[in-house]
Amino acid sequence: MEDIREALRQVIEGDDFEPASKLLNNIKPDAAVRIVPALPYSLATNVAHADIWNRTWLTRLEGKKKFNPFPDFPVVTEKQWPKVRDQFLANLDRAYEIACAEPFEHHCK
């Protein structure tokens, strides 16, 4: 469990690299939704994808009702980018909160 805590801490707080919040907060909506040649998805779509699967995991840990994660590579518009980014960061914080809880309690089988 300590490895998971440390990995989440590094992504959230940084140290060896920039924290996710600093990286994502500096990306303008037009850049976030741009699909770079040779890549199938925009950064915004990849962030939304990561958040969908993080929420799937959080739902299981918290014993909440399951949801259908598909389509799991949604097209994100410039207008949607701030909400997608903020939701991803909030759910990342929630995952870290759960991982750091003592005792580590969850609703998974």
PDB file of N, CA and C in Angstrom:
ATOM      1  N   MET A   1       0.820  -1.192   0.000  1.00  0.00           N
ATOM      2  CA  MET A   1       0.000   0.000   0.000  1.00  0.00           C
ATOM      3  C   MET A   1       0.868   1.261   0.000  1.00  0.00           C
ATOM      4  N   GLU A   2       2.014   1.172   0.643  1.00  0.00           N
ATOM      5  CA  GLU A   2       2.898   2.332   0.720  1.00  0.00           C
ATOM      6  C   GLU A   2       3.342   2.793  -0.671  1.00  0.00           C
ATOM      7  N   ASP A   3       3.555   1.862  -1.589  1.00  0.00           N
ATOM      8  CA  ASP A   3       3.947   2.227  -2.954  1.00  0.00           C
ATOM      9  C   ASP A   3       2.853   3.019  -3.650  1.00  0.00           C
ATOM     10  N   ILE A   4       1.604   2.625  -3.427  1.00  0.00           N
ATOM     11  CA  ILE A   4       0.475   3.338  -4.035  1.00  0.00           C
ATOM     12  C   ILE A   4       0.378   4.744  -3.452  1.00  0.00           C
ATOM     13  N   ARG A   5       0.521   4.847  -2.136  1.00  0.00           N
ATOM     14  CA  ARG A   5       0.484   6.160  -1.494  1.00  0.00           C
ATOM     15  C   ARG A   5       1.569   7.068  -2.055  1.00  0.00           C
ATOM     16  N   GLU A   6       2.760   6.543  -2.185  1.00  0.00           N
ATOM     17  CA  GLU A   6       3.872   7.347  -2.671  1.00  0.00           C
ATOM     18  C   GLU A   6       3.680   7.751  -4.128  1.00  0.00           C
ATOM     19  N   ALA A   7       3.185   6.849  -4.948  1.00  0.00           N
ATOM     20  CA  ALA A   7       2.943   7.182  -6.359  1.00  0.00           C
ATOM     21  C   ALA A   7       1.904   8.296  -6.462  1.00  0.00           C
ATOM     22  N   LEU A   8       0.820   8.189  -5.700  1.00  0.00           N
ATOM     23  CA  LEU A   8      -0.208   9.229  -5.718  1.00  0.00           C
ATOM     24  C   LEU A   8       0.332  10.548  -5.169  1.00  0.00           C
ATOM     25  N   ARG A   9       1.125  10.474  -4.114  1.00  0.00           N
ATOM     26  CA  ARG A   9       1.722  11.688  -3.547  1.00  0.00           C
ATOM     27  C   ARG A   9       2.589  12.393  -4.582  1.00  0.00           C
ATOM     28  N   GLN A  10       3.380  11.624  -5.297  1.00  0.00           N
ATOM     29  CA  GLN A  10       4.262  12.217  -6.313  1.00  0.00           C
ATOM     30  C   GLN A  10       3.451  12.900  -7.414  1.00  0.00           C
ATOM     31  N   VAL A  11       2.364  12.277  -7.836  1.00  0.00           N
ATOM     32  CA  VAL A  11       1.536  12.859  -8.898  1.00  0.00           C
ATOM     33  C   VAL A  11       0.850  14.132  -8.400  1.00  0.00           C
ATOM     34  N   ILE A  12       0.434  14.137  -7.144  1.00  0.00           N
ATOM     35  CA  ILE A  12      -0.298  15.278  -6.583  1.00  0.00           C
ATOM     36  C   ILE A  12       0.635  16.396  -6.104  1.00  0.00           C
ATOM     37  N   GLU A  13       1.680  16.026  -5.371  1.00  0.00           N
ATOM     38  CA  GLU A  13       2.553  17.031  -4.763  1.00  0.00           C
ATOM     39  C   GLU A  13       3.816  17.315  -5.568  1.00  0.00           C
ATOM     40  N   GLY A  14       4.232  16.371  -6.386  1.00  0.00           N
ATOM     41  CA  GLY A  14       5.467  16.544  -7.135  1.00  0.00           C
ATOM     42  C   GLY A  14       6.656  16.002  -6.375  1.00  0.00           C
ATOM     43  N   ASP A  15       7.801  16.529  -6.554  1.00  0.00           N
ATOM     44  CA  ASP A  15       9.130  16.199  -6.033  1.00  0.00           C
ATOM     45  C   ASP A  15      10.014  15.815  -7.205  1.00  0.00           C
ATOM     46  N   ASP A  16       9.831  14.616  -7.728  1.00  0.00           N
ATOM     47  CA  ASP A  16      10.651  14.164  -8.843  1.00  0.00           C
ATOM     48  C   ASP A  16      10.217  14.788 -10.167  1.00  0.00           C
ATOM     49  N   PHE A  17       9.016  15.298 -10.223  1.00  0.00           N
ATOM     50  CA  PHE A  17       8.466  15.931 -11.422  1.00  0.00           C
ATOM     51  C   PHE A  17       7.366  16.893 -10.993  1.00  0.00           C
ATOM     52  N   GLU A  18       6.872  17.661 -11.927  1.00  0.00           N
ATOM     53  CA  GLU A  18       5.828  18.645 -11.623  1.00  0.00           C
ATOM     54  C   GLU A  18       4.526  17.951 -11.226  1.00  0.00           C
ATOM     55  N   PRO A  19       3.805  18.497 -10.261  1.00  0.00           N
ATOM     56  CA  PRO A  19       2.516  17.903  -9.890  1.00  0.00           C
ATOM     57  C   PRO A  19       1.489  18.059 -11.014  1.00  0.00           C
ATOM     58  N   ALA A  20       0.561  17.136 -11.064  1.00  0.00           N
ATOM     59  CA  ALA A  20      -0.465  17.136 -12.111  1.00  0.00           C
ATOM     60  C   ALA A  20      -1.234  18.454 -12.159  1.00  0.00           C
ATOM     61  N   SER A  21      -1.554  19.012 -11.010  1.00  0.00           N
ATOM     62  CA  SER A  21      -2.324  20.263 -10.994  1.00  0.00           C
ATOM     63  C   SER A  21      -1.559  21.391 -11.677  1.00  0.00           C
ATOM     64  N   LYS A  22      -0.273  21.493 -11.439  1.00  0.00           N
ATOM     65  CA  LYS A  22       0.516  22.557 -12.061  1.00  0.00           C
ATOM     66  C   LYS A  22       0.590  22.351 -13.575  1.00  0.00           C
ATOM     67  N   LEU A  23       0.784  21.108 -13.986  1.00  0.00           N
ATOM     68  CA  LEU A  23       0.853  20.821 -15.414  1.00  0.00           C
ATOM     69  C   LEU A  23      -0.475  21.125 -16.106  1.00  0.00           C
ATOM     70  N   LEU A  24      -1.565  20.609 -15.552  1.00  0.00           N
ATOM     71  CA  LEU A  24      -2.860  20.737 -16.206  1.00  0.00           C
ATOM     72  C   LEU A  24      -3.434  22.147 -16.128  1.00  0.00           C
ATOM     73  N   ASN A  25      -3.178  22.851 -15.048  1.00  0.00           N
ATOM     74  CA  ASN A  25      -3.717  24.201 -14.906  1.00  0.00           C
ATOM     75  C   ASN A  25      -3.063  25.190 -15.871  1.00  0.00           C
ATOM     76  N   ASN A  26      -1.913  24.840 -16.411  1.00  0.00           N
ATOM     77  CA  ASN A  26      -1.220  25.713 -17.354  1.00  0.00           C
ATOM     78  C   ASN A  26      -1.602  25.450 -18.807  1.00  0.00           C
ATOM     79  N   ILE A  27      -2.486  24.512 -19.041  1.00  0.00           N
ATOM     80  CA  ILE A  27      -2.873  24.162 -20.413  1.00  0.00           C
ATOM     81  C   ILE A  27      -4.168  24.861 -20.778  1.00  0.00           C
ATOM     82  N   LYS A  28      -4.094  25.659 -21.816  1.00  0.00           N
ATOM     83  CA  LYS A  28      -5.270  26.400 -22.280  1.00  0.00           C
ATOM     84  C   LYS A  28      -6.237  25.449 -22.982  1.00  0.00           C
ATOM     85  N   PRO A  29      -7.517  25.769 -22.937  1.00  0.00           N
ATOM     86  CA  PRO A  29      -8.527  24.890 -23.539  1.00  0.00           C
ATOM     87  C   PRO A  29      -8.251  24.510 -24.997  1.00  0.00           C
ATOM     88  N   ASP A  30      -7.828  25.470 -25.812  1.00  0.00           N
ATOM     89  CA  ASP A  30      -7.583  25.142 -27.221  1.00  0.00           C
ATOM     90  C   ASP A  30      -6.450  24.137 -27.383  1.00  0.00           C
ATOM     91  N   ALA A  31      -5.431  24.243 -26.534  1.00  0.00           N
ATOM     92  CA  ALA A  31      -4.320  23.292 -26.583  1.00  0.00           C
ATOM     93  C   ALA A  31      -4.746  21.930 -26.022  1.00  0.00           C
ATOM     94  N   ALA A  32      -5.576  21.935 -25.000  1.00  0.00           N
ATOM     95  CA  ALA A  32      -6.008  20.684 -24.367  1.00  0.00           C
ATOM     96  C   ALA A  32      -6.811  19.802 -25.313  1.00  0.00           C
ATOM     97  N   VAL A  33      -7.580  20.412 -26.192  1.00  0.00           N
ATOM     98  CA  VAL A  33      -8.456  19.624 -27.073  1.00  0.00           C
ATOM     99  C   VAL A  33      -7.828  19.348 -28.447  1.00  0.00           C
ATOM    100  N   ARG A  34      -6.663  19.900 -28.692  1.00  0.00           N
ATOM    101  CA  ARG A  34      -5.986  19.694 -29.973  1.00  0.00           C
ATOM    102  C   ARG A  34      -5.473  18.263 -30.078  1.00  0.00           C
ATOM    103  N   ILE A  35      -5.724  17.640 -31.215  1.00  0.00           N
ATOM    104  CA  ILE A  35      -5.189  16.300 -31.470  1.00  0.00           C
ATOM    105  C   ILE A  35      -3.896  16.479 -32.262  1.00  0.00           C
ATOM    106  N   VAL A  36      -2.812  16.075 -31.670  1.00  0.00           N
ATOM    107  CA  VAL A  36      -1.495  16.202 -32.277  1.00  0.00           C
ATOM    108  C   VAL A  36      -1.324  15.122 -33.346  1.00  0.00           C
ATOM    109  N   PRO A  37      -0.727  15.465 -34.480  1.00  0.00           N
ATOM    110  CA  PRO A  37      -0.507  14.447 -35.517  1.00  0.00           C
ATOM    111  C   PRO A  37       0.185  13.208 -34.950  1.00  0.00           C
ATOM    112  N   ALA A  38      -0.274  12.060 -35.412  1.00  0.00           N
ATOM    113  CA  ALA A  38       0.242  10.740 -35.017  1.00  0.00           C
ATOM    114  C   ALA A  38      -0.274  10.251 -33.663  1.00  0.00           C
ATOM    115  N   LEU A  39      -1.084  11.070 -32.986  1.00  0.00           N
ATOM    116  CA  LEU A  39      -1.688  10.631 -31.731  1.00  0.00           C
ATOM    117  C   LEU A  39      -3.199  10.541 -31.928  1.00  0.00           C
ATOM    118  N   PRO A  40      -3.820   9.511 -31.347  1.00  0.00           N
ATOM    119  CA  PRO A  40      -5.253   9.314 -31.592  1.00  0.00           C
ATOM    120  C   PRO A  40      -6.182  10.236 -30.797  1.00  0.00           C
ATOM    121  N   TYR A  41      -5.713  10.773 -29.676  1.00  0.00           N
ATOM    122  CA  TYR A  41      -6.594  11.549 -28.801  1.00  0.00           C
ATOM    123  C   TYR A  41      -5.925  12.827 -28.330  1.00  0.00           C
ATOM    124  N   SER A  42      -6.746  13.762 -27.937  1.00  0.00           N
ATOM    125  CA  SER A  42      -6.241  15.004 -27.343  1.00  0.00           C
ATOM    126  C   SER A  42      -5.850  14.750 -25.889  1.00  0.00           C
ATOM    127  N   LEU A  43      -5.129  15.695 -25.326  1.00  0.00           N
ATOM    128  CA  LEU A  43      -4.800  15.625 -23.906  1.00  0.00           C
ATOM    129  C   LEU A  43      -6.082  15.603 -23.077  1.00  0.00           C
ATOM    130  N   ALA A  44      -7.051  16.430 -23.448  1.00  0.00           N
ATOM    131  CA  ALA A  44      -8.315  16.496 -22.704  1.00  0.00           C
ATOM    132  C   ALA A  44      -9.032  15.153 -22.700  1.00  0.00           C
ATOM    133  N   THR A  45      -9.043  14.475 -23.835  1.00  0.00           N
ATOM    134  CA  THR A  45      -9.669  13.150 -23.902  1.00  0.00           C
ATOM    135  C   THR A  45      -8.908  12.153 -23.035  1.00  0.00           C
ATOM    136  N   ASN A  46      -7.588  12.214 -23.039  1.00  0.00           N
ATOM    137  CA  ASN A  46      -6.799  11.310 -22.199  1.00  0.00           C
ATOM    138  C   ASN A  46      -7.021  11.568 -20.711  1.00  0.00           C
ATOM    139  N   VAL A  47      -7.154  12.843 -20.335  1.00  0.00           N
ATOM    140  CA  VAL A  47      -7.442  13.169 -18.929  1.00  0.00           C
ATOM    141  C   VAL A  47      -8.829  12.661 -18.554  1.00  0.00           C
ATOM    142  N   ALA A  48      -9.805  12.856 -19.431  1.00  0.00           N
ATOM    143  CA  ALA A  48     -11.158  12.346 -19.174  1.00  0.00           C
ATOM    144  C   ALA A  48     -11.139  10.828 -19.047  1.00  0.00           C
ATOM    145  N   HIS A  49     -10.386  10.156 -19.907  1.00  0.00           N
ATOM    146  CA  HIS A  49     -10.266   8.697 -19.863  1.00  0.00           C
ATOM    147  C   HIS A  49      -9.694   8.242 -18.512  1.00  0.00           C
ATOM    148  N   ALA A  50      -8.617   8.876 -18.095  1.00  0.00           N
ATOM    149  CA  ALA A  50      -8.005   8.520 -16.809  1.00  0.00           C
ATOM    150  C   ALA A  50      -8.981   8.757 -15.664  1.00  0.00           C
ATOM    151  N   ASP A  51      -9.739   9.832 -15.735  1.00  0.00           N
ATOM    152  CA  ASP A  51     -10.704  10.128 -14.671  1.00  0.00           C
ATOM    153  C   ASP A  51     -11.841   9.115 -14.643  1.00  0.00           C
ATOM    154  N   ILE A  52     -12.298   8.692 -15.794  1.00  0.00           N
ATOM    155  CA  ILE A  52     -13.371   7.682 -15.847  1.00  0.00           C
ATOM    156  C   ILE A  52     -12.937   6.422 -15.105  1.00  0.00           C
ATOM    157  N   TRP A  53     -11.723   5.952 -15.365  1.00  0.00           N
ATOM    158  CA  TRP A  53     -11.271   4.719 -14.725  1.00  0.00           C
ATOM    159  C   TRP A  53     -10.909   4.941 -13.261  1.00  0.00           C
ATOM    160  N   ASN A  54     -10.454   6.135 -12.910  1.00  0.00           N
ATOM    161  CA  ASN A  54     -10.240   6.447 -11.507  1.00  0.00           C
ATOM    162  C   ASN A  54     -11.575   6.451 -10.763  1.00  0.00           C
ATOM    163  N   ARG A  55     -12.620   7.049 -11.382  1.00  0.00           N
ATOM    164  CA  ARG A  55     -13.945   7.058 -10.757  1.00  0.00           C
ATOM    165  C   ARG A  55     -14.509   5.642 -10.625  1.00  0.00           C
ATOM    166  N   THR A  56     -14.220   4.789 -11.587  1.00  0.00           N
ATOM    167  CA  THR A  56     -14.661   3.387 -11.498  1.00  0.00           C
ATOM    168  C   THR A  56     -14.049   2.736 -10.259  1.00  0.00           C
ATOM    169  N   TRP A  57     -12.771   2.968 -10.052  1.00  0.00           N
ATOM    170  CA  TRP A  57     -12.067   2.426  -8.886  1.00  0.00           C
ATOM    171  C   TRP A  57     -12.611   3.040  -7.600  1.00  0.00           C
ATOM    172  N   LEU A  58     -12.791   4.367  -7.582  1.00  0.00           N
ATOM    173  CA  LEU A  58     -13.314   5.036  -6.388  1.00  0.00           C
ATOM    174  C   LEU A  58     -14.712   4.540  -6.034  1.00  0.00           C
ATOM    175  N   THR A  59     -15.536   4.323  -7.057  1.00  0.00           N
ATOM    176  CA  THR A  59     -16.892   3.819  -6.842  1.00  0.00           C
ATOM    177  C   THR A  59     -16.847   2.474  -6.121  1.00  0.00           C
ATOM    178  N   ARG A  60     -15.961   1.613  -6.544  1.00  0.00           N
ATOM    179  CA  ARG A  60     -15.827   0.305  -5.895  1.00  0.00           C
ATOM    180  C   ARG A  60     -15.316   0.450  -4.466  1.00  0.00           C
ATOM    181  N   LEU A  61     -14.294   1.279  -4.274  1.00  0.00           N
ATOM    182  CA  LEU A  61     -13.731   1.462  -2.935  1.00  0.00           C
ATOM    183  C   LEU A  61     -14.746   2.041  -1.961  1.00  0.00           C
ATOM    184  N   GLU A  62     -15.566   2.975  -2.448  1.00  0.00           N
ATOM    185  CA  GLU A  62     -16.518   3.662  -1.577  1.00  0.00           C
ATOM    186  C   GLU A  62     -17.870   2.969  -1.490  1.00  0.00           C
ATOM    187  N   GLY A  63     -18.033   1.862  -2.213  1.00  0.00           N
ATOM    188  CA  GLY A  63     -19.275   1.106  -2.160  1.00  0.00           C
ATOM    189  C   GLY A  63     -20.440   1.829  -2.807  1.00  0.00           C
ATOM    190  N   LYS A  64     -20.153   2.679  -3.772  1.00  0.00           N
ATOM    191  CA  LYS A  64     -21.217   3.414  -4.468  1.00  0.00           C
ATOM    192  C   LYS A  64     -21.710   2.613  -5.671  1.00  0.00           C
ATOM    193  N   LYS A  65     -22.820   3.062  -6.211  1.00  0.00           N
ATOM    194  CA  LYS A  65     -23.430   2.389  -7.351  1.00  0.00           C
ATOM    195  C   LYS A  65     -22.502   2.458  -8.567  1.00  0.00           C
ATOM    196  N   LYS A  66     -22.331   1.311  -9.216  1.00  0.00           N
ATOM    197  CA  LYS A  66     -21.497   1.240 -10.415  1.00  0.00           C
ATOM    198  C   LYS A  66     -22.123   2.046 -11.538  1.00  0.00           C
ATOM    199  N   PHE A  67     -21.288   2.518 -12.455  1.00  0.00           N
ATOM    200  CA  PHE A  67     -21.763   3.233 -13.627  1.00  0.00           C
ATOM    201  C   PHE A  67     -21.090   2.644 -14.852  1.00  0.00           C
ATOM    202  N   ASN A  68     -21.674   2.885 -15.990  1.00  0.00           N
ATOM    203  CA  ASN A  68     -21.115   2.391 -17.239  1.00  0.00           C
ATOM    204  C   ASN A  68     -19.994   3.337 -17.664  1.00  0.00           C
ATOM    205  N   PRO A  69     -18.743   2.860 -17.724  1.00  0.00           N
ATOM    206  CA  PRO A  69     -17.629   3.740 -18.062  1.00  0.00           C
ATOM    207  C   PRO A  69     -17.459   4.004 -19.559  1.00  0.00           C
ATOM    208  N   PHE A  70     -18.305   3.422 -20.363  1.00  0.00           N
ATOM    209  CA  PHE A  70     -18.131   3.556 -21.815  1.00  0.00           C
ATOM    210  C   PHE A  70     -19.107   4.568 -22.395  1.00  0.00           C
ATOM    211  N   PRO A  71     -18.723   5.349 -23.360  1.00  0.00           N
ATOM    212  CA  PRO A  71     -17.424   5.346 -24.018  1.00  0.00           C
ATOM    213  C   PRO A  71     -16.361   5.944 -23.090  1.00  0.00           C
ATOM    214  N   ASP A  72     -15.214   5.333 -23.062  1.00  0.00           N
ATOM    215  CA  ASP A  72     -14.190   5.753 -22.113  1.00  0.00           C
ATOM    216  C   ASP A  72     -13.112   6.662 -22.715  1.00  0.00           C
ATOM    217  N   PHE A  73     -13.274   7.044 -23.971  1.00  0.00           N
ATOM    218  CA  PHE A  73     -12.411   8.052 -24.592  1.00  0.00           C
ATOM    219  C   PHE A  73     -13.304   9.150 -25.172  1.00  0.00           C
ATOM    220  N   PRO A  74     -13.984   9.908 -24.302  1.00  0.00           N
ATOM    221  CA  PRO A  74     -14.927  10.915 -24.794  1.00  0.00           C
ATOM    222  C   PRO A  74     -14.225  12.097 -25.458  1.00  0.00           C
ATOM    223  N   VAL A  75     -14.856  12.638 -26.457  1.00  0.00           N
ATOM    224  CA  VAL A  75     -14.364  13.868 -27.069  1.00  0.00           C
ATOM    225  C   VAL A  75     -14.696  15.009 -26.106  1.00  0.00           C
ATOM    226  N   VAL A  76     -13.701  15.795 -25.774  1.00  0.00           N
ATOM    227  CA  VAL A  76     -13.875  16.905 -24.841  1.00  0.00           C
ATOM    228  C   VAL A  76     -13.747  18.212 -25.622  1.00  0.00           C
ATOM    229  N   THR A  77     -14.683  19.106 -25.387  1.00  0.00           N
ATOM    230  CA  THR A  77     -14.652  20.415 -26.054  1.00  0.00           C
ATOM    231  C   THR A  77     -13.850  21.410 -25.210  1.00  0.00           C
ATOM    232  N   GLU A  78     -13.505  22.531 -25.826  1.00  0.00           N
ATOM    233  CA  GLU A  78     -12.790  23.584 -25.095  1.00  0.00           C
ATOM    234  C   GLU A  78     -13.586  24.036 -23.878  1.00  0.00           C
ATOM    235  N   LYS A  79     -14.886  24.175 -24.050  1.00  0.00           N
ATOM    236  CA  LYS A  79     -15.753  24.618 -22.953  1.00  0.00           C
ATOM    237  C   LYS A  79     -15.762  23.606 -21.800  1.00  0.00           C
ATOM    238  N   GLN A  80     -15.657  22.312 -22.130  1.00  0.00           N
ATOM    239  CA  GLN A  80     -15.685  21.259 -21.108  1.00  0.00           C
ATOM    240  C   GLN A  80     -14.350  21.079 -20.397  1.00  0.00           C
ATOM    241  N   TRP A  81     -13.251  21.523 -20.996  1.00  0.00           N
ATOM    242  CA  TRP A  81     -11.919  21.257 -20.460  1.00  0.00           C
ATOM    243  C   TRP A  81     -11.754  21.654 -18.986  1.00  0.00           C
ATOM    244  N   PRO A  82     -12.122  22.859 -18.558  1.00  0.00           N
ATOM    245  CA  PRO A  82     -11.922  23.194 -17.136  1.00  0.00           C
ATOM    246  C   PRO A  82     -12.629  22.220 -16.184  1.00  0.00           C
ATOM    247  N   LYS A  83     -13.844  21.827 -16.519  1.00  0.00           N
ATOM    248  CA  LYS A  83     -14.578  20.896 -15.663  1.00  0.00           C
ATOM    249  C   LYS A  83     -13.916  19.511 -15.664  1.00  0.00           C
ATOM    250  N   VAL A  84     -13.508  19.037 -16.818  1.00  0.00           N
ATOM    251  CA  VAL A  84     -12.836  17.726 -16.922  1.00  0.00           C
ATOM    252  C   VAL A  84     -11.550  17.743 -16.098  1.00  0.00           C
ATOM    253  N   ARG A  85     -10.749  18.790 -16.270  1.00  0.00           N
ATOM    254  CA  ARG A  85      -9.490  18.930 -15.529  1.00  0.00           C
ATOM    255  C   ARG A  85      -9.732  18.960 -14.026  1.00  0.00           C
ATOM    256  N   ASP A  86     -10.680  19.800 -13.597  1.00  0.00           N
ATOM    257  CA  ASP A  86     -10.942  19.956 -12.164  1.00  0.00           C
ATOM    258  C   ASP A  86     -11.490  18.673 -11.544  1.00  0.00           C
ATOM    259  N   GLN A  87     -12.346  17.980 -12.288  1.00  0.00           N
ATOM    260  CA  GLN A  87     -12.891  16.718 -11.784  1.00  0.00           C
ATOM    261  C   GLN A  87     -11.789  15.678 -11.660  1.00  0.00           C
ATOM    262  N   PHE A  88     -10.906  15.599 -12.647  1.00  0.00           N
ATOM    263  CA  PHE A  88      -9.780  14.661 -12.596  1.00  0.00           C
ATOM    264  C   PHE A  88      -8.921  14.941 -11.367  1.00  0.00           C
ATOM    265  N   LEU A  89      -8.578  16.201 -11.138  1.00  0.00           N
ATOM    266  CA  LEU A  89      -7.723  16.554  -9.997  1.00  0.00           C
ATOM    267  C   LEU A  89      -8.418  16.276  -8.664  1.00  0.00           C
ATOM    268  N   ALA A  90      -9.706  16.565  -8.577  1.00  0.00           N
ATOM    269  CA  ALA A  90     -10.453  16.303  -7.339  1.00  0.00           C
ATOM    270  C   ALA A  90     -10.520  14.802  -7.055  1.00  0.00           C
ATOM    271  N   ASN A  91     -10.747  14.007  -8.082  1.00  0.00           N
ATOM    272  CA  ASN A  91     -10.816  12.558  -7.885  1.00  0.00           C
ATOM    273  C   ASN A  91      -9.445  11.962  -7.585  1.00  0.00           C
ATOM    274  N   LEU A  92      -8.410  12.565  -8.121  1.00  0.00           N
ATOM    275  CA  LEU A  92      -7.049  12.148  -7.785  1.00  0.00           C
ATOM    276  C   LEU A  92      -6.783  12.409  -6.306  1.00  0.00           C
ATOM    277  N   ASP A  93      -7.204  13.587  -5.830  1.00  0.00           N
ATOM    278  CA  ASP A  93      -7.072  13.904  -4.400  1.00  0.00           C
ATOM    279  C   ASP A  93      -7.860  12.916  -3.549  1.00  0.00           C
ATOM    280  N   ARG A  94      -9.060  12.561  -3.998  1.00  0.00           N
ATOM    281  CA  ARG A  94      -9.888  11.605  -3.243  1.00  0.00           C
ATOM    282  C   ARG A  94      -9.211  10.236  -3.182  1.00  0.00           C
ATOM    283  N   ALA A  95      -8.614   9.814  -4.276  1.00  0.00           N
ATOM    284  CA  ALA A  95      -7.901   8.531  -4.296  1.00  0.00           C
ATOM    285  C   ALA A  95      -6.751   8.555  -3.286  1.00  0.00           C
ATOM    286  N   TYR A  96      -6.044   9.651  -3.226  1.00  0.00           N
ATOM    287  CA  TYR A  96      -4.927   9.782  -2.282  1.00  0.00           C
ATOM    288  C   TYR A  96      -5.427   9.776  -0.841  1.00  0.00           C
ATOM    289  N   GLU A  97      -6.526  10.460  -0.615  1.00  0.00           N
ATOM    290  CA  GLU A  97      -7.158  10.483   0.709  1.00  0.00           C
ATOM    291  C   GLU A  97      -7.482   9.061   1.180  1.00  0.00           C
ATOM    292  N   ILE A  98      -8.090   8.291   0.305  1.00  0.00           N
ATOM    293  CA  ILE A  98      -8.460   6.912   0.638  1.00  0.00           C
ATOM    294  C   ILE A  98      -7.206   6.070   0.869  1.00  0.00           C
ATOM    295  N   ALA A  99      -6.208   6.222   0.008  1.00  0.00           N
ATOM    296  CA  ALA A  99      -4.977   5.438   0.134  1.00  0.00           C
ATOM    297  C   ALA A  99      -4.242   5.739   1.428  1.00  0.00           C
ATOM    298  N   CYS A 100      -4.366   6.977   1.920  1.00  0.00           N
ATOM    299  CA  CYS A 100      -3.662   7.378   3.141  1.00  0.00           C
ATOM    300  C   CYS A 100      -4.443   7.079   4.417  1.00  0.00           C
ATOM    301  N   ALA A 101      -5.683   6.693   4.277  1.00  0.00           N
ATOM    302  CA  ALA A 101      -6.522   6.457   5.455  1.00  0.00           C
ATOM    303  C   ALA A 101      -5.954   5.307   6.292  1.00  0.00           C
ATOM    304  N   GLU A 102      -5.975   5.507   7.571  1.00  0.00           N
ATOM    305  CA  GLU A 102      -5.555   4.460   8.509  1.00  0.00           C
ATOM    306  C   GLU A 102      -6.696   4.222   9.485  1.00  0.00           C
ATOM    307  N   PRO A 103      -7.269   3.042   9.523  1.00  0.00           N
ATOM    308  CA  PRO A 103      -6.920   1.918   8.653  1.00  0.00           C
ATOM    309  C   PRO A 103      -7.466   2.129   7.235  1.00  0.00           C
ATOM    310  N   PHE A 104      -6.862   1.433   6.289  1.00  0.00           N
ATOM    311  CA  PHE A 104      -7.296   1.490   4.908  1.00  0.00           C
ATOM    312  C   PHE A 104      -8.541   0.630   4.795  1.00  0.00           C
ATOM    313  N   GLU A 105      -9.685   1.298   4.729  1.00  0.00           N
ATOM    314  CA  GLU A 105     -10.956   0.575   4.648  1.00  0.00           C
ATOM    315  C   GLU A 105     -11.576   0.810   3.289  1.00  0.00           C
ATOM    316  N   HIS A 106     -12.210  -0.235   2.768  1.00  0.00           N
ATOM    317  CA  HIS A 106     -12.839  -0.118   1.461  1.00  0.00           C
ATOM    318  C   HIS A 106     -13.973  -1.144   1.370  1.00  0.00           C
ATOM    319  N   HIS A 107     -14.744  -1.047   0.279  1.00  0.00           N
ATOM    320  CA  HIS A 107     -15.880  -1.923   0.084  1.00  0.00           C
ATOM    321  C   HIS A 107     -15.645  -2.952  -1.013  1.00  0.00           C
ATOM    322  N   CYS A 108     -14.413  -3.124  -1.440  1.00  0.00           N
ATOM    323  CA  CYS A 108     -14.121  -4.129  -2.473  1.00  0.00           C
ATOM    324  C   CYS A 108     -14.117  -5.516  -1.851  1.00  0.00           C
ATOM    325  N   LYS A 109     -14.402  -6.495  -2.698  1.00  0.00           N
ATOM    326  CA  LYS A 109     -14.371  -7.871  -2.215  1.00  0.00           C
ATOM    327  C   LYS A 109     -12.942  -8.328  -2.070  1.00  0.00           C
TER     328      LYS A 109
END
